[in-house]
Amino acid sequence: MYPKNAWYVACTPDEIAHKPLGRTICGERIVFYRGEGGRVVALEDFCPHRGAPLSLGQVCEGKLVCGYHGLVMGEEGKTVSMPGQRVGGFPCIKRFAVEERYGFIWVWPGDQAQADTAKIHHLEWAQNSDWAYGGGLYHIQADYRLMIDNLMDLTHETYVHSTSIGQKEIDETPVTTKTEGEQVVTSRFMDNVMAPPFWQANLRGNGLPDDQPVDRWQVCRFTPPSHVMIEVGVALAGHGGYHAPADKKVYSIVVDFITPETETSHWYFWGMARNFNVKDEALTAQIRENQGMVFAEDTEMLEAQQRSLLAHPARRLLMLNIDAGGVQSRRIIDRLLAAERAPAGEAVAA
């Protein structure tokens, strides 16, 4: 159901600031913590003594201490010590490749020999002081691919998000879909429309009028295993739309890292990076709050959809042209899955 030989966002640094964090990623129960020197460590969340979750323990001087009987684990997954006991011969538990980058903690849940940090999704905005970012995390009881479908077809905004980012012009404007290598791109451009409430607020946040016609764009980019970056924004009509100068528009990237937990649940790291009025922390907080309410609406719909699908496993779902982005994204995921299952050295057709 999910490729495992890939880098996924596992958590944010604040989640492991004071204690270990247990989180299931692609079916793997993993404990994350900061070891010696503040390095991030990811181990199997299983104490080799009696099987207690190590995430229920604590970190002492860079060592992970089991909260059940005090067994001390080293960063390599080898037992270090235990009060009054001889544990040097205990077998190692699994260690996972982990990397802290771009304000996120990334993990490779699959074949550890294939973990290459050069394959981590590059986030140019995260290293650029001309951009500001704010986001959050939702734990969603739905197949991660349903979220990819949702983000690669924004037609639903007219209905699910009618009071924030939705408007009738979305489903009146055709969408184009193309595949560029391992990336799927869906695009929609709406000219000379009125901005919906969410974008009216952003126009005001950049010192622009909110009551004039605008040109609006949505460019969704899926990158495997499950990342979706969406270029969004509005520009005062007649100034070039997507290519308008910075003083005539508000431009942002909706950041979506979708990390599978199980076959019917996932971790959804969402946020927005923007390149206007970046020092305004109050604006960052406002956008995060508004965006959080939008994604809460998605959560409600996706979880209801998952329950419906589980209740009707034999029903065939219908496909329309608006579903092309999700369909092509799933084809890429299926190829990755097939490659992981293929015997060593056997090629998988593109």
Protein backbone atom coordinates (compact mmCIF):
# COMPACT_ATOMS: atom_id res chain seq x y z
CA MET A 1 0.00 0.00 0.00
CA TYR A 2 2.89 2.39 0.66
CA PRO A 3 6.51 2.49 -0.58
CA LYS A 4 8.95 2.04 2.29
CA ASN A 5 12.20 2.81 0.48
CA ALA A 6 11.69 6.56 0.68
CA TRP A 7 12.12 9.52 3.01
CA TYR A 8 9.02 10.56 4.95
CA VAL A 9 8.47 13.42 7.36
CA ALA A 10 8.16 11.73 10.75
CA CYS A 11 7.79 14.65 13.15
CA THR A 12 8.87 18.20 13.87
CA PRO A 13 11.79 19.07 16.19
CA ASP A 14 9.51 20.40 18.94
CA GLU A 15 7.89 16.97 19.26
CA ILE A 16 11.14 15.44 20.56
CA ALA A 17 12.43 18.44 22.49
CA HIS A 18 11.75 17.07 25.97
CA LYS A 19 10.99 13.35 25.73
CA PRO A 20 10.98 10.41 23.29
CA LEU A 21 8.27 10.22 20.68
CA GLY A 22 6.65 6.99 19.54
CA ARG A 23 5.17 7.08 16.07
CA THR A 24 4.17 4.42 13.56
CA ILE A 25 5.47 5.14 10.04
CA CYS A 26 4.55 2.78 7.17
CA GLY A 27 3.64 0.11 9.67
CA GLU A 28 6.94 0.42 11.57
CA ARG A 29 6.73 1.34 15.26
CA ILE A 30 9.57 3.81 15.78
CA VAL A 31 10.85 5.83 18.73
CA PHE A 32 12.49 9.18 18.00
CA TYR A 33 14.70 11.05 20.48
CA ARG A 34 17.80 13.21 20.74
CA GLY A 35 20.95 11.29 21.60
CA GLU A 36 24.39 12.52 22.52
CA GLY A 37 25.20 15.95 21.13
CA GLY A 38 21.55 16.51 20.26
CA ARG A 39 21.63 14.11 17.30
CA VAL A 40 18.26 12.73 16.26
CA VAL A 41 18.01 8.95 16.69
CA ALA A 42 15.31 6.59 15.43
CA LEU A 43 15.05 3.06 16.82
CA GLU A 44 12.52 0.27 16.82
CA ASP A 45 10.02 1.13 19.58
CA PHE A 46 10.53 -2.18 21.37
CA CYS A 47 12.50 -2.95 24.50
CA PRO A 48 14.39 -6.25 23.99
CA HIS A 49 13.81 -7.17 27.64
CA ARG A 50 10.02 -7.45 27.91
CA GLY A 51 8.76 -5.71 24.79
CA ALA A 52 7.62 -2.46 26.39
CA PRO A 53 7.54 0.60 24.07
CA LEU A 54 10.77 2.50 24.56
CA SER A 55 8.89 5.69 23.78
CA LEU A 56 7.34 5.45 27.27
CA GLY A 57 10.79 5.94 28.78
CA GLN A 58 13.07 8.94 29.07
CA VAL A 59 16.36 10.29 27.77
CA CYS A 60 19.22 10.54 30.26
CA GLU A 61 22.58 11.95 29.14
CA GLY A 62 21.82 11.10 25.54
CA LYS A 63 20.79 7.51 26.29
CA LEU A 64 17.27 6.12 25.94
CA VAL A 65 16.09 4.53 29.19
CA CYS A 66 13.15 2.12 29.14
CA GLY A 67 10.34 3.26 31.41
CA TYR A 68 9.55 -0.30 32.56
CA HIS A 69 12.76 -1.69 34.14
CA GLY A 70 15.40 0.93 33.36
CA LEU A 71 17.18 -0.84 30.50
CA VAL A 72 19.47 1.63 28.73
CA MET A 73 19.69 1.62 24.92
CA GLY A 74 22.51 2.99 22.80
CA GLU A 75 22.05 4.91 19.56
CA GLU A 76 23.00 1.87 17.47
CA GLY A 77 20.17 -0.19 18.95
CA LYS A 78 22.50 -2.10 21.28
CA THR A 79 21.65 -2.55 24.97
CA VAL A 80 24.12 -0.60 27.11
CA SER A 81 23.18 -1.49 30.66
CA MET A 82 20.43 -2.27 33.14
CA PRO A 83 20.49 -1.82 36.93
CA GLY A 84 21.80 -5.00 38.61
CA GLN A 85 21.62 -7.08 35.42
CA ARG A 86 23.98 -8.42 32.76
CA VAL A 87 22.48 -7.49 29.40
CA GLY A 88 25.47 -7.22 27.11
CA GLY A 89 24.37 -10.24 25.11
CA PHE A 90 20.94 -8.87 24.26
CA PRO A 91 20.29 -8.73 20.49
CA CYS A 92 20.23 -5.32 18.81
CA ILE A 93 16.96 -3.74 17.88
CA LYS A 94 16.48 -2.07 14.51
CA ARG A 95 17.90 1.37 13.85
CA PHE A 96 16.35 3.59 11.18
CA ALA A 97 18.09 6.19 9.02
CA VAL A 98 16.95 9.60 10.19
CA GLU A 99 17.83 13.16 9.22
CA GLU A 100 16.92 16.60 10.54
CA ARG A 101 16.50 19.03 7.67
CA TYR A 102 14.33 21.99 6.62
CA GLY A 103 12.64 22.15 10.03
CA PHE A 104 11.43 18.53 9.88
CA ILE A 105 12.65 15.12 11.06
CA TRP A 106 12.82 12.66 8.13
CA VAL A 107 12.94 8.86 8.38
CA TRP A 108 13.60 6.01 5.94
CA PRO A 109 11.41 3.06 7.05
CA GLY A 110 12.51 0.56 4.38
CA ASP A 111 15.79 -1.08 3.39
CA GLN A 112 18.38 0.83 5.41
CA ALA A 113 21.13 0.05 2.90
CA GLN A 114 19.29 2.19 0.34
CA ALA A 115 18.86 5.27 2.55
CA ASP A 116 20.54 8.22 0.83
CA THR A 117 20.04 11.70 2.30
CA ALA A 118 20.52 13.20 -1.17
CA LYS A 119 17.04 11.86 -1.97
CA ILE A 120 15.30 14.02 0.65
CA HIS A 121 12.78 16.34 -1.00
CA HIS A 122 14.51 19.70 -1.54
CA LEU A 123 12.70 22.69 0.00
CA GLU A 124 14.31 25.84 -1.36
CA TRP A 125 11.99 28.14 0.57
CA ALA A 126 12.99 26.56 3.89
CA GLN A 127 16.55 27.90 3.50
CA ASN A 128 15.60 31.35 2.26
CA SER A 129 15.02 34.31 4.59
CA ASP A 130 12.70 35.84 1.98
CA TRP A 131 10.10 33.23 2.93
CA ALA A 132 8.03 32.60 6.07
CA TYR A 133 6.41 29.31 7.05
CA GLY A 134 3.73 28.20 9.48
CA GLY A 135 2.01 24.84 9.70
CA GLY A 136 0.67 22.00 11.80
CA LEU A 137 -0.08 18.27 12.00
CA TYR A 138 -3.26 16.22 11.74
CA HIS A 139 -3.59 12.50 12.44
CA ILE A 140 -6.15 11.31 9.91
CA GLN A 141 -7.98 7.99 9.89
CA ALA A 142 -7.86 7.48 6.12
CA ASP A 143 -5.67 5.88 3.46
CA TYR A 144 -2.88 8.35 2.63
CA ARG A 145 -3.72 8.04 -1.07
CA LEU A 146 -7.13 9.60 -0.44
CA MET A 147 -5.33 12.74 0.72
CA ILE A 148 -3.19 12.72 -2.42
CA ASP A 149 -6.37 12.44 -4.52
CA ASN A 150 -7.84 15.35 -2.56
CA LEU A 151 -4.85 17.62 -3.09
CA MET A 152 -4.33 16.80 -6.76
CA ASP A 153 -7.96 17.70 -7.58
CA LEU A 154 -9.01 20.99 -6.00
CA THR A 155 -12.49 20.95 -7.53
CA HIS A 156 -13.79 19.96 -4.10
CA GLU A 157 -12.92 23.42 -2.74
CA THR A 158 -16.19 24.83 -4.11
CA TYR A 159 -18.14 22.45 -1.89
CA VAL A 160 -15.99 21.37 1.07
CA HIS A 161 -14.48 24.83 1.62
CA SER A 162 -17.33 27.05 0.47
CA THR A 163 -16.78 29.69 3.19
CA SER A 164 -12.99 30.02 2.91
CA ILE A 165 -11.18 29.18 -0.34
CA GLY A 166 -14.01 27.81 -2.49
CA GLN A 167 -15.70 29.64 -5.36
CA LYS A 168 -17.85 28.58 -8.32
CA GLU A 169 -15.17 29.52 -10.86
CA ILE A 170 -13.04 26.59 -9.67
CA ASP A 171 -15.29 23.92 -11.16
CA GLU A 172 -16.11 26.15 -14.13
CA THR A 173 -12.42 26.38 -15.12
CA PRO A 174 -10.77 23.41 -16.85
CA VAL A 175 -7.77 21.75 -15.22
CA THR A 176 -4.72 20.48 -17.09
CA THR A 177 -2.65 17.49 -15.98
CA LYS A 178 0.79 16.38 -17.09
CA THR A 179 3.55 14.07 -15.88
CA GLU A 180 7.11 15.38 -15.74
CA GLY A 181 9.40 12.47 -14.96
CA GLU A 182 8.36 11.23 -11.53
CA GLN A 183 6.30 14.36 -10.84
CA VAL A 184 2.62 14.91 -11.64
CA VAL A 185 1.40 18.49 -12.16
CA THR A 186 -2.20 19.71 -12.27
CA SER A 187 -2.88 23.37 -13.05
CA ARG A 188 -5.89 25.68 -12.99
CA PHE A 189 -5.83 29.40 -13.82
CA MET A 190 -8.86 31.62 -13.17
CA ASP A 191 -8.87 35.13 -14.62
CA ASN A 192 -10.83 38.18 -13.51
CA VAL A 193 -12.62 36.62 -10.53
CA MET A 194 -13.36 37.93 -7.04
CA ALA A 195 -11.12 36.55 -4.32
CA PRO A 196 -12.78 34.24 -1.74
CA PRO A 197 -12.48 35.11 2.00
CA PHE A 198 -9.14 33.35 2.64
CA TRP A 199 -7.45 35.21 -0.19
CA GLN A 200 -9.14 38.51 0.67
CA ALA A 201 -7.43 38.27 4.07
CA ASN A 202 -4.07 37.56 2.42
CA LEU A 203 -4.47 40.50 0.06
CA ARG A 204 -5.04 42.74 3.07
CA GLY A 205 -2.03 41.11 4.76
CA ASN A 206 0.12 42.31 1.86
CA GLY A 207 -1.38 45.79 1.79
CA LEU A 208 -3.47 45.17 -1.34
CA PRO A 209 -7.18 45.89 -1.88
CA ASP A 210 -9.49 42.92 -1.31
CA ASP A 211 -12.48 44.18 -3.30
CA GLN A 212 -11.02 44.21 -6.83
CA PRO A 213 -11.06 41.41 -9.44
CA VAL A 214 -8.05 39.10 -9.34
CA ASP A 215 -6.37 36.41 -11.40
CA ARG A 216 -6.05 33.22 -9.35
CA TRP A 217 -3.88 30.13 -9.84
CA GLN A 218 -3.49 26.62 -8.42
CA VAL A 219 -0.54 24.49 -9.51
CA CYS A 220 -0.36 21.14 -7.68
CA ARG A 221 2.84 19.09 -7.82
CA PHE A 222 2.97 15.50 -6.59
CA THR A 223 6.42 14.07 -5.88
CA PRO A 224 6.80 10.49 -4.64
CA PRO A 225 6.42 8.92 -2.25
CA SER A 226 3.60 11.23 -1.09
CA HIS A 227 4.56 14.89 -1.09
CA VAL A 228 2.31 17.54 -2.66
CA MET A 229 3.42 21.16 -3.06
CA ILE A 230 0.76 23.54 -4.35
CA GLU A 231 1.61 26.94 -5.78
CA VAL A 232 -1.36 29.18 -4.99
CA GLY A 233 -2.10 32.86 -5.08
CA VAL A 234 -3.99 35.80 -6.51
CA ALA A 235 -2.86 38.91 -8.37
CA LEU A 236 -4.78 42.06 -9.08
CA ALA A 237 -6.40 41.45 -12.46
CA GLY A 238 -4.57 42.71 -15.52
CA HIS A 239 -1.06 42.59 -14.06
CA GLY A 240 0.12 39.23 -15.38
CA GLY A 241 -1.57 36.76 -13.03
CA TYR A 242 0.93 34.09 -11.93
CA HIS A 243 3.76 36.21 -13.39
CA ALA A 244 2.60 39.51 -11.86
CA PRO A 245 5.16 41.60 -9.94
CA ALA A 246 5.40 40.97 -6.22
CA ASP A 247 3.70 44.25 -5.30
CA LYS A 248 0.56 43.25 -7.22
CA LYS A 249 0.00 39.75 -5.83
CA VAL A 250 0.09 37.32 -2.94
CA TYR A 251 1.93 34.09 -3.71
CA SER A 252 2.33 31.04 -1.49
CA ILE A 253 3.20 27.36 -1.52
CA VAL A 254 0.83 25.04 0.31
CA VAL A 255 3.08 22.39 1.87
CA ASP A 256 1.68 18.87 2.22
CA PHE A 257 3.74 15.97 3.59
CA ILE A 258 1.53 12.89 3.79
CA THR A 259 3.13 10.12 5.85
CA PRO A 260 1.40 6.72 5.96
CA GLU A 261 0.85 5.21 9.39
CA THR A 262 -1.20 2.13 8.51
CA GLU A 263 -3.22 1.16 5.44
CA THR A 264 -6.12 3.28 6.73
CA SER A 265 -4.41 6.12 8.61
CA HIS A 266 -1.74 8.73 8.02
CA TRP A 267 0.09 11.71 9.49
CA TYR A 268 -0.60 14.92 7.62
CA PHE A 269 2.02 17.67 7.99
CA TRP A 270 0.47 20.78 6.46
CA GLY A 271 1.53 24.38 6.19
CA MET A 272 2.02 27.41 3.99
CA ALA A 273 5.23 29.08 2.87
CA ARG A 274 4.86 32.65 1.63
CA ASN A 275 7.16 35.30 0.20
CA PHE A 276 5.20 38.42 1.18
CA ASN A 277 5.28 40.37 4.45
CA VAL A 278 7.46 37.60 5.89
CA LYS A 279 8.40 39.34 9.14
CA ASP A 280 4.78 39.74 10.25
CA GLU A 281 4.46 36.96 12.85
CA ALA A 282 0.84 37.86 13.53
CA LEU A 283 0.07 37.30 9.85
CA THR A 284 1.84 33.93 9.96
CA ALA A 285 -0.29 32.92 12.95
CA GLN A 286 -3.47 34.13 11.25
CA ILE A 287 -2.74 32.21 8.05
CA ARG A 288 -1.91 29.07 10.05
CA GLU A 289 -5.17 29.32 11.97
CA ASN A 290 -7.24 29.87 8.83
CA GLN A 291 -5.45 27.11 6.95
CA GLY A 292 -5.89 24.75 9.88
CA MET A 293 -9.66 25.24 9.73
CA VAL A 294 -9.64 24.50 5.99
CA PHE A 295 -7.72 21.25 6.47
CA ALA A 296 -9.99 20.25 9.35
CA GLU A 297 -12.82 20.24 6.79
CA ASP A 298 -10.76 17.94 4.56
CA THR A 299 -10.10 15.65 7.53
CA GLU A 300 -13.80 15.29 8.26
CA MET A 301 -14.56 14.44 4.62
CA LEU A 302 -11.67 12.00 4.14
CA GLU A 303 -12.42 10.07 7.31
CA ALA A 304 -16.07 9.77 6.29
CA GLN A 305 -14.95 8.65 2.82
CA GLN A 306 -12.68 5.98 4.35
CA ARG A 307 -15.50 4.62 6.50
CA SER A 308 -17.73 4.45 3.44
CA LEU A 309 -15.08 2.62 1.40
CA LEU A 310 -14.51 0.09 4.17
CA ALA A 311 -18.26 -0.54 4.37
CA HIS A 312 -18.45 -1.14 0.59
CA PRO A 313 -15.16 -2.83 -0.38
CA ALA A 314 -16.54 -4.29 -3.62
CA ARG A 315 -17.90 -1.04 -5.04
CA ARG A 316 -16.07 0.28 -8.11
CA LEU A 317 -15.23 3.97 -8.00
CA LEU A 318 -15.86 6.08 -11.10
CA MET A 319 -13.20 8.26 -12.71
CA LEU A 320 -13.63 11.69 -14.35
CA ASN A 321 -11.17 13.98 -16.09
CA ILE A 322 -10.74 15.95 -12.85
CA ASP A 323 -9.33 12.79 -11.25
CA ALA A 324 -6.36 12.62 -13.63
CA GLY A 325 -3.86 14.09 -11.15
CA GLY A 326 -4.68 11.55 -8.47
CA VAL A 327 -4.81 8.66 -10.95
CA GLN A 328 -1.39 9.47 -12.40
CA SER A 329 0.07 9.95 -8.91
CA ARG A 330 -1.20 6.52 -7.91
CA ARG A 331 0.42 4.99 -10.99
CA ILE A 332 3.78 6.31 -9.85
CA ILE A 333 3.18 4.91 -6.36
CA ASP A 334 2.22 1.54 -7.88
CA ARG A 335 5.48 1.49 -9.86
CA LEU A 336 7.48 2.16 -6.70
CA LEU A 337 5.65 -0.64 -4.90
CA ALA A 338 6.26 -3.03 -7.78
CA ALA A 339 9.96 -2.16 -7.79
CA GLU A 340 10.23 -2.91 -4.06
CA ARG A 341 8.52 -6.28 -4.50
CA ALA A 342 10.51 -7.32 -7.57
CA PRO A 343 13.37 -9.79 -7.10
CA ALA A 344 16.81 -8.18 -7.00
CA GLY A 345 18.00 -7.22 -10.46
CA GLU A 346 14.60 -7.54 -12.12
CA ALA A 347 13.48 -4.44 -14.01
CA VAL A 348 10.00 -2.92 -13.55
CA ALA A 349 8.26 -1.39 -16.56
CA ALA A 350 7.68 2.36 -16.40
